[in-house]
């Protein structure tokens, strides 16, 4: 219950954590570029920053969306909530504790670091604005 909501950029779930249970459901918005060469959209092995010289097996970006949807006990089907050019966001909002899960697919080909960072995307989707709207929507009282 530390966070009212979270946002991730190019952060799929490591396969070893895909069956981890959470307590309270937490709203999440996640962004991933289909052209990310460092953390592949399709999942795969990626360099483990916590253990240099080793690798983690990552779920694909869509699989990570499904895991977050399951952890938040979402019962609805994903629906498109944002479109701009080839970019789109899917949301599931019939989830426990008023949570929602939003997953945005971006095309970053040819831009900063060859598509790794979703902030520099071809459709000029403002990741920060979408993230801020998500955080404003999901607040929590400080005890």
N, C-alpha and C. Protein backbone atom coordinates (compact mmCIF):
# COMPACT_ATOMS: atom_id res chain seq x y z
N UNK A 1 0.81 -1.20 0.00
CA UNK A 1 0.00 0.00 0.00
C UNK A 1 0.86 1.26 0.00
N UNK A 2 2.07 1.14 -0.43
CA UNK A 2 2.98 2.27 -0.48
C UNK A 2 2.66 3.20 -1.64
N UNK A 3 2.29 2.64 -2.78
CA UNK A 3 2.08 3.43 -3.99
C UNK A 3 0.61 3.48 -4.37
N UNK A 4 0.16 4.67 -4.76
CA UNK A 4 -1.22 4.83 -5.23
C UNK A 4 -1.35 4.33 -6.66
N UNK A 5 -0.29 4.47 -7.45
CA UNK A 5 -0.26 4.03 -8.85
C UNK A 5 1.19 3.95 -9.29
N UNK A 6 1.43 3.19 -10.35
CA UNK A 6 2.79 3.09 -10.89
C UNK A 6 2.78 3.24 -12.40
N UNK A 7 3.95 3.58 -12.93
CA UNK A 7 4.15 3.69 -14.37
C UNK A 7 5.50 3.07 -14.71
N UNK A 8 5.55 2.35 -15.83
CA UNK A 8 6.81 1.77 -16.27
C UNK A 8 7.05 2.10 -17.73
N UNK A 9 8.32 2.19 -18.09
CA UNK A 9 8.73 2.37 -19.48
C UNK A 9 9.73 1.27 -19.79
N UNK A 10 9.42 0.45 -20.78
CA UNK A 10 10.31 -0.66 -21.18
C UNK A 10 10.67 -1.52 -19.98
N UNK A 11 9.67 -1.97 -19.24
CA UNK A 11 9.94 -2.76 -18.04
C UNK A 11 9.01 -3.96 -17.97
N UNK A 12 9.25 -4.98 -18.80
CA UNK A 12 8.44 -6.20 -18.69
C UNK A 12 8.81 -6.95 -17.42
N UNK A 13 8.00 -7.91 -17.07
CA UNK A 13 8.20 -8.68 -15.84
C UNK A 13 9.18 -9.82 -16.10
N UNK A 14 10.19 -9.98 -15.24
CA UNK A 14 11.08 -11.15 -15.38
C UNK A 14 10.28 -12.44 -15.20
N UNK A 15 10.55 -13.42 -16.03
CA UNK A 15 9.80 -14.68 -15.99
C UNK A 15 9.79 -15.30 -14.59
N UNK A 16 10.85 -15.16 -13.81
CA UNK A 16 10.89 -15.77 -12.49
C UNK A 16 9.91 -15.12 -11.52
N UNK A 17 9.38 -13.94 -11.83
CA UNK A 17 8.43 -13.26 -10.95
C UNK A 17 7.01 -13.27 -11.49
N UNK A 18 6.73 -14.03 -12.54
CA UNK A 18 5.42 -13.93 -13.17
C UNK A 18 4.30 -14.58 -12.38
N UNK A 19 4.61 -15.33 -11.32
CA UNK A 19 3.56 -15.92 -10.51
C UNK A 19 3.52 -15.34 -9.10
N UNK A 20 4.17 -14.21 -8.90
CA UNK A 20 4.21 -13.54 -7.61
C UNK A 20 2.84 -12.92 -7.29
N UNK A 21 2.37 -13.09 -6.08
CA UNK A 21 1.10 -12.51 -5.67
C UNK A 21 1.32 -11.13 -5.05
N UNK A 22 0.38 -10.23 -5.30
CA UNK A 22 0.44 -8.92 -4.67
C UNK A 22 -0.68 -8.82 -3.65
N UNK A 23 -0.59 -7.84 -2.78
CA UNK A 23 -1.64 -7.61 -1.81
C UNK A 23 -2.74 -6.77 -2.44
N UNK A 24 -2.70 -5.49 -2.20
CA UNK A 24 -3.67 -4.56 -2.77
C UNK A 24 -3.40 -4.36 -4.25
N UNK A 25 -4.45 -4.33 -5.04
CA UNK A 25 -4.29 -4.05 -6.47
C UNK A 25 -3.76 -2.64 -6.66
N UNK A 26 -2.91 -2.46 -7.66
CA UNK A 26 -2.32 -1.14 -7.90
C UNK A 26 -2.50 -0.77 -9.38
N UNK A 27 -3.02 0.43 -9.64
CA UNK A 27 -3.15 0.89 -11.03
C UNK A 27 -1.77 1.03 -11.68
N UNK A 28 -1.67 0.62 -12.94
CA UNK A 28 -0.40 0.71 -13.65
C UNK A 28 -0.64 1.17 -15.09
N UNK A 29 0.25 2.02 -15.56
CA UNK A 29 0.32 2.34 -16.98
C UNK A 29 1.74 1.98 -17.42
N UNK A 30 1.84 1.27 -18.52
CA UNK A 30 3.12 0.77 -18.98
C UNK A 30 3.31 1.09 -20.45
N UNK A 31 4.52 1.50 -20.82
CA UNK A 31 4.85 1.87 -22.20
C UNK A 31 6.00 0.99 -22.68
N UNK A 32 5.88 0.53 -23.92
CA UNK A 32 6.97 -0.26 -24.50
C UNK A 32 7.02 -0.02 -26.00
N UNK A 33 8.24 0.08 -26.51
CA UNK A 33 8.44 0.29 -27.94
C UNK A 33 8.62 -1.05 -28.65
N UNK A 34 7.95 -1.22 -29.78
CA UNK A 34 8.08 -2.45 -30.55
C UNK A 34 9.47 -2.59 -31.16
N UNK A 35 10.21 -1.50 -31.21
CA UNK A 35 11.55 -1.52 -31.82
C UNK A 35 12.66 -1.47 -30.78
N UNK A 36 12.33 -1.72 -29.53
CA UNK A 36 13.32 -1.68 -28.45
C UNK A 36 14.31 -2.83 -28.62
N UNK A 37 15.56 -2.52 -28.83
CA UNK A 37 16.59 -3.55 -29.01
C UNK A 37 17.23 -3.97 -27.69
N UNK A 38 17.16 -3.11 -26.67
CA UNK A 38 17.78 -3.41 -25.39
C UNK A 38 16.89 -4.29 -24.52
N UNK A 39 15.60 -3.95 -24.47
CA UNK A 39 14.62 -4.74 -23.72
C UNK A 39 13.52 -5.09 -24.73
N UNK A 40 13.65 -6.22 -25.41
CA UNK A 40 12.77 -6.55 -26.53
C UNK A 40 11.29 -6.64 -26.16
N UNK A 41 10.46 -6.06 -27.02
CA UNK A 41 9.00 -6.10 -26.88
C UNK A 41 8.52 -7.54 -26.79
N UNK A 42 9.14 -8.42 -27.56
CA UNK A 42 8.72 -9.82 -27.63
C UNK A 42 9.21 -10.64 -26.44
N UNK A 43 9.96 -10.01 -25.53
CA UNK A 43 10.54 -10.75 -24.42
C UNK A 43 11.83 -11.40 -24.89
N UNK A 44 12.57 -11.96 -23.99
CA UNK A 44 13.82 -12.61 -24.34
C UNK A 44 14.76 -12.45 -23.16
N UNK A 45 16.01 -12.73 -23.39
CA UNK A 45 16.99 -12.51 -22.34
C UNK A 45 17.49 -11.08 -22.40
N UNK A 46 17.69 -10.49 -21.25
CA UNK A 46 18.21 -9.13 -21.15
C UNK A 46 19.27 -9.11 -20.06
N UNK A 47 20.20 -8.21 -20.18
CA UNK A 47 21.28 -8.06 -19.21
C UNK A 47 20.71 -7.77 -17.83
N UNK A 48 21.19 -8.47 -16.82
CA UNK A 48 20.72 -8.31 -15.44
C UNK A 48 21.60 -7.28 -14.73
N UNK A 49 21.05 -6.09 -14.52
CA UNK A 49 21.81 -5.02 -13.87
C UNK A 49 22.13 -5.35 -12.41
N UNK A 50 21.33 -6.22 -11.79
CA UNK A 50 21.55 -6.56 -10.38
C UNK A 50 22.63 -7.63 -10.21
N UNK A 51 22.93 -8.34 -11.28
CA UNK A 51 23.97 -9.38 -11.23
C UNK A 51 24.78 -9.32 -12.52
N UNK A 52 25.72 -8.37 -12.58
CA UNK A 52 26.51 -8.19 -13.81
C UNK A 52 27.09 -9.51 -14.33
N UNK A 53 27.00 -9.67 -15.64
CA UNK A 53 27.49 -10.89 -16.27
C UNK A 53 26.43 -11.95 -16.42
N UNK A 54 25.24 -11.70 -15.88
CA UNK A 54 24.15 -12.66 -16.02
C UNK A 54 22.97 -12.02 -16.75
N UNK A 55 22.01 -12.85 -17.10
CA UNK A 55 20.86 -12.38 -17.86
C UNK A 55 19.57 -12.83 -17.20
N UNK A 56 18.50 -12.07 -17.43
CA UNK A 56 17.15 -12.41 -16.99
C UNK A 56 16.33 -12.80 -18.20
N UNK A 57 15.42 -13.74 -18.05
CA UNK A 57 14.46 -14.02 -19.11
C UNK A 57 13.22 -13.19 -18.83
N UNK A 58 12.88 -12.33 -19.77
CA UNK A 58 11.76 -11.40 -19.60
C UNK A 58 10.53 -11.88 -20.37
N UNK A 59 9.36 -11.67 -19.77
CA UNK A 59 8.11 -11.90 -20.49
C UNK A 59 8.02 -10.88 -21.61
N UNK A 60 7.19 -11.15 -22.60
CA UNK A 60 6.94 -10.14 -23.63
C UNK A 60 6.14 -9.00 -23.00
N UNK A 61 6.12 -7.86 -23.67
CA UNK A 61 5.34 -6.73 -23.16
C UNK A 61 3.85 -7.10 -23.03
N UNK A 62 3.22 -7.75 -24.05
CA UNK A 62 1.82 -8.15 -23.88
C UNK A 62 1.61 -9.17 -22.76
N UNK A 63 2.56 -10.10 -22.57
CA UNK A 63 2.44 -11.06 -21.46
C UNK A 63 2.50 -10.34 -20.12
N UNK A 64 3.33 -9.32 -20.02
CA UNK A 64 3.41 -8.53 -18.78
C UNK A 64 2.08 -7.84 -18.50
N UNK A 65 1.42 -7.31 -19.55
CA UNK A 65 0.09 -6.71 -19.41
C UNK A 65 -0.88 -7.74 -18.85
N UNK A 66 -0.83 -8.97 -19.36
CA UNK A 66 -1.72 -10.02 -18.87
C UNK A 66 -1.44 -10.36 -17.41
N UNK A 67 -0.16 -10.40 -17.02
CA UNK A 67 0.19 -10.71 -15.63
C UNK A 67 -0.34 -9.62 -14.70
N UNK A 68 -0.13 -8.34 -15.06
CA UNK A 68 -0.66 -7.25 -14.23
C UNK A 68 -2.18 -7.30 -14.16
N UNK A 69 -2.83 -7.64 -15.27
CA UNK A 69 -4.29 -7.76 -15.28
C UNK A 69 -4.74 -8.86 -14.34
N UNK A 70 -4.04 -9.99 -14.35
CA UNK A 70 -4.37 -11.09 -13.44
C UNK A 70 -4.13 -10.71 -11.99
N UNK A 71 -3.00 -10.05 -11.71
CA UNK A 71 -2.68 -9.65 -10.33
C UNK A 71 -3.69 -8.66 -9.77
N UNK A 72 -4.22 -7.82 -10.64
CA UNK A 72 -5.22 -6.84 -10.21
C UNK A 72 -6.64 -7.39 -10.32
N UNK A 73 -6.76 -8.66 -10.67
CA UNK A 73 -8.05 -9.35 -10.78
C UNK A 73 -9.02 -8.62 -11.70
N UNK A 74 -8.54 -8.23 -12.87
CA UNK A 74 -9.39 -7.55 -13.86
C UNK A 74 -10.30 -8.57 -14.52
N UNK A 75 -11.56 -8.21 -14.69
CA UNK A 75 -12.54 -9.15 -15.26
C UNK A 75 -13.04 -8.74 -16.64
N UNK A 76 -12.68 -7.55 -17.10
CA UNK A 76 -13.14 -7.09 -18.40
C UNK A 76 -12.12 -7.40 -19.49
N UNK A 77 -12.55 -7.27 -20.73
CA UNK A 77 -11.66 -7.43 -21.87
C UNK A 77 -10.92 -6.11 -22.11
N UNK A 78 -9.71 -6.17 -22.64
CA UNK A 78 -8.99 -4.92 -22.95
C UNK A 78 -9.73 -4.11 -24.00
N UNK A 79 -9.72 -2.79 -23.83
CA UNK A 79 -10.31 -1.91 -24.84
C UNK A 79 -9.32 -0.81 -25.17
N UNK A 80 -9.37 -0.34 -26.39
CA UNK A 80 -8.46 0.71 -26.83
C UNK A 80 -8.88 2.03 -26.20
N UNK A 81 -7.95 2.68 -25.50
CA UNK A 81 -8.26 3.94 -24.82
C UNK A 81 -7.44 5.10 -25.36
N UNK A 82 -6.50 4.81 -26.26
CA UNK A 82 -5.68 5.88 -26.84
C UNK A 82 -5.12 5.39 -28.17
N UNK A 83 -5.17 6.27 -29.17
CA UNK A 83 -4.55 5.97 -30.47
C UNK A 83 -3.96 7.25 -31.04
N UNK A 84 -2.76 7.12 -31.57
CA UNK A 84 -2.12 8.23 -32.27
C UNK A 84 -1.12 7.61 -33.23
N UNK A 85 -1.38 7.74 -34.53
CA UNK A 85 -0.51 7.11 -35.52
C UNK A 85 -0.52 5.61 -35.32
N UNK A 86 0.66 5.02 -35.21
CA UNK A 86 0.74 3.57 -34.98
C UNK A 86 0.77 3.21 -33.50
N UNK A 87 0.73 4.21 -32.63
CA UNK A 87 0.74 3.98 -31.19
C UNK A 87 -0.68 3.74 -30.68
N UNK A 88 -0.79 2.90 -29.65
CA UNK A 88 -2.10 2.67 -29.04
C UNK A 88 -1.93 2.21 -27.60
N UNK A 89 -2.99 2.43 -26.81
CA UNK A 89 -3.02 1.95 -25.43
C UNK A 89 -4.26 1.09 -25.24
N UNK A 90 -4.09 -0.01 -24.54
CA UNK A 90 -5.19 -0.88 -24.15
C UNK A 90 -5.37 -0.75 -22.65
N UNK A 91 -6.63 -0.76 -22.20
CA UNK A 91 -6.91 -0.63 -20.77
C UNK A 91 -7.92 -1.68 -20.34
N UNK A 92 -7.69 -2.20 -19.15
CA UNK A 92 -8.67 -3.04 -18.44
C UNK A 92 -8.93 -2.31 -17.12
N UNK A 93 -10.21 -1.94 -16.86
CA UNK A 93 -10.48 -1.17 -15.64
C UNK A 93 -11.53 -1.77 -14.72
N UNK A 94 -11.99 -2.98 -15.01
CA UNK A 94 -12.87 -3.67 -14.08
C UNK A 94 -11.99 -4.56 -13.20
N UNK A 95 -11.24 -3.90 -12.32
CA UNK A 95 -10.23 -4.59 -11.50
C UNK A 95 -10.51 -4.31 -10.02
N UNK A 96 -9.92 -5.13 -9.16
CA UNK A 96 -10.10 -4.96 -7.71
C UNK A 96 -9.57 -3.61 -7.24
N UNK A 97 -10.17 -3.10 -6.18
CA UNK A 97 -9.71 -1.90 -5.49
C UNK A 97 -9.68 -0.66 -6.38
N UNK A 98 -10.50 -0.63 -7.45
CA UNK A 98 -10.53 0.53 -8.34
C UNK A 98 -9.31 0.66 -9.22
N UNK A 99 -8.51 -0.39 -9.30
CA UNK A 99 -7.30 -0.35 -10.12
C UNK A 99 -7.66 -0.46 -11.60
N UNK A 100 -6.72 -0.08 -12.43
CA UNK A 100 -6.82 -0.32 -13.86
C UNK A 100 -5.43 -0.66 -14.37
N UNK A 101 -5.39 -1.35 -15.49
CA UNK A 101 -4.12 -1.73 -16.11
C UNK A 101 -4.14 -1.18 -17.53
N UNK A 102 -3.18 -0.31 -17.86
CA UNK A 102 -3.09 0.26 -19.20
C UNK A 102 -1.73 -0.08 -19.78
N UNK A 103 -1.74 -0.55 -21.01
CA UNK A 103 -0.53 -0.96 -21.71
C UNK A 103 -0.46 -0.23 -23.05
N UNK A 104 0.61 0.54 -23.26
CA UNK A 104 0.76 1.33 -24.48
C UNK A 104 1.91 0.79 -25.33
N UNK A 105 1.61 0.59 -26.59
CA UNK A 105 2.59 0.12 -27.56
C UNK A 105 3.00 1.30 -28.43
N UNK A 106 4.31 1.56 -28.50
CA UNK A 106 4.85 2.69 -29.26
C UNK A 106 5.84 2.19 -30.30
N UNK A 107 6.08 3.02 -31.32
CA UNK A 107 7.08 2.73 -32.34
C UNK A 107 8.18 3.76 -32.20
N UNK A 108 9.35 3.33 -31.79
CA UNK A 108 10.46 4.26 -31.59
C UNK A 108 11.54 4.13 -32.64
N UNK A 109 11.26 3.42 -33.72
CA UNK A 109 12.27 3.09 -34.72
C UNK A 109 13.02 4.32 -35.22
N UNK A 110 14.32 4.21 -35.20
CA UNK A 110 15.17 5.25 -35.78
C UNK A 110 15.44 6.44 -34.88
N UNK A 111 14.81 6.50 -33.73
CA UNK A 111 15.04 7.64 -32.85
C UNK A 111 16.05 7.27 -31.77
N UNK A 112 16.11 8.04 -30.74
CA UNK A 112 17.12 7.92 -29.68
C UNK A 112 17.40 6.46 -29.29
N UNK A 113 18.63 6.07 -29.33
CA UNK A 113 19.08 4.71 -29.01
C UNK A 113 18.36 3.65 -29.84
N UNK A 114 18.01 3.99 -31.08
CA UNK A 114 17.43 3.00 -31.97
C UNK A 114 16.10 2.45 -31.52
N UNK A 115 15.33 3.22 -30.77
CA UNK A 115 14.00 2.78 -30.36
C UNK A 115 13.92 2.27 -28.95
N UNK A 116 15.03 2.31 -28.19
CA UNK A 116 14.97 1.79 -26.82
C UNK A 116 14.09 2.65 -25.93
N UNK A 117 14.26 3.95 -25.94
CA UNK A 117 13.50 4.79 -25.03
C UNK A 117 12.18 5.22 -25.67
N UNK A 118 11.09 4.87 -25.02
CA UNK A 118 9.77 5.18 -25.57
C UNK A 118 9.46 6.67 -25.58
N UNK A 119 10.23 7.47 -24.81
CA UNK A 119 9.99 8.91 -24.81
C UNK A 119 10.21 9.50 -26.20
N UNK A 120 11.19 8.98 -26.94
CA UNK A 120 11.45 9.45 -28.29
C UNK A 120 10.77 8.53 -29.28
N UNK A 121 9.46 8.66 -29.45
CA UNK A 121 8.74 7.74 -30.32
C UNK A 121 8.29 8.44 -31.60
N UNK A 122 8.13 7.68 -32.66
CA UNK A 122 7.83 8.23 -33.98
C UNK A 122 6.50 8.97 -34.05
N UNK A 123 5.55 8.61 -33.22
CA UNK A 123 4.23 9.25 -33.27
C UNK A 123 4.11 10.43 -32.32
N UNK A 124 5.19 10.78 -31.68
CA UNK A 124 5.24 11.92 -30.75
C UNK A 124 4.19 11.81 -29.64
N UNK A 125 3.99 10.60 -29.17
CA UNK A 125 3.12 10.38 -28.02
C UNK A 125 3.83 10.95 -26.80
N UNK A 126 3.15 11.80 -26.04
CA UNK A 126 3.75 12.39 -24.86
C UNK A 126 3.57 11.44 -23.68
N UNK A 127 4.58 10.62 -23.46
CA UNK A 127 4.55 9.62 -22.40
C UNK A 127 4.36 10.27 -21.03
N UNK A 128 5.02 11.40 -20.82
CA UNK A 128 4.91 12.08 -19.52
C UNK A 128 3.49 12.58 -19.27
N UNK A 129 2.83 13.15 -20.28
CA UNK A 129 1.45 13.61 -20.10
C UNK A 129 0.51 12.46 -19.77
N UNK A 130 0.64 11.34 -20.49
CA UNK A 130 -0.22 10.19 -20.21
C UNK A 130 0.04 9.64 -18.81
N UNK A 131 1.31 9.63 -18.41
CA UNK A 131 1.66 9.16 -17.07
C UNK A 131 1.08 10.08 -16.00
N UNK A 132 1.20 11.39 -16.20
CA UNK A 132 0.68 12.34 -15.22
C UNK A 132 -0.84 12.22 -15.10
N UNK A 133 -1.54 12.06 -16.21
CA UNK A 133 -3.00 11.87 -16.16
C UNK A 133 -3.34 10.61 -15.35
N UNK A 134 -2.56 9.57 -15.53
CA UNK A 134 -2.76 8.32 -14.78
C UNK A 134 -2.57 8.57 -13.28
N UNK A 135 -1.49 9.27 -12.92
CA UNK A 135 -1.23 9.54 -11.50
C UNK A 135 -2.29 10.46 -10.89
N UNK A 136 -2.76 11.46 -11.63
CA UNK A 136 -3.80 12.35 -11.11
C UNK A 136 -5.11 11.60 -10.87
N UNK A 137 -5.38 10.61 -11.68
CA UNK A 137 -6.62 9.84 -11.57
C UNK A 137 -6.60 8.89 -10.37
N UNK A 138 -5.42 8.42 -10.00
CA UNK A 138 -5.29 7.41 -8.94
C UNK A 138 -4.48 7.99 -7.79
N UNK A 139 -5.18 8.54 -6.82
CA UNK A 139 -4.52 9.13 -5.66
C UNK A 139 -4.88 8.33 -4.41
N UNK A 140 -4.16 8.58 -3.35
CA UNK A 140 -4.43 7.89 -2.09
C UNK A 140 -4.23 8.88 -0.96
N UNK A 141 -5.08 8.81 0.04
CA UNK A 141 -4.94 9.66 1.22
C UNK A 141 -3.70 9.26 2.01
N UNK A 142 -2.98 10.24 2.49
CA UNK A 142 -1.82 9.97 3.34
C UNK A 142 -2.32 9.86 4.77
N UNK A 143 -2.04 8.74 5.44
CA UNK A 143 -2.56 8.55 6.82
C UNK A 143 -1.92 9.51 7.80
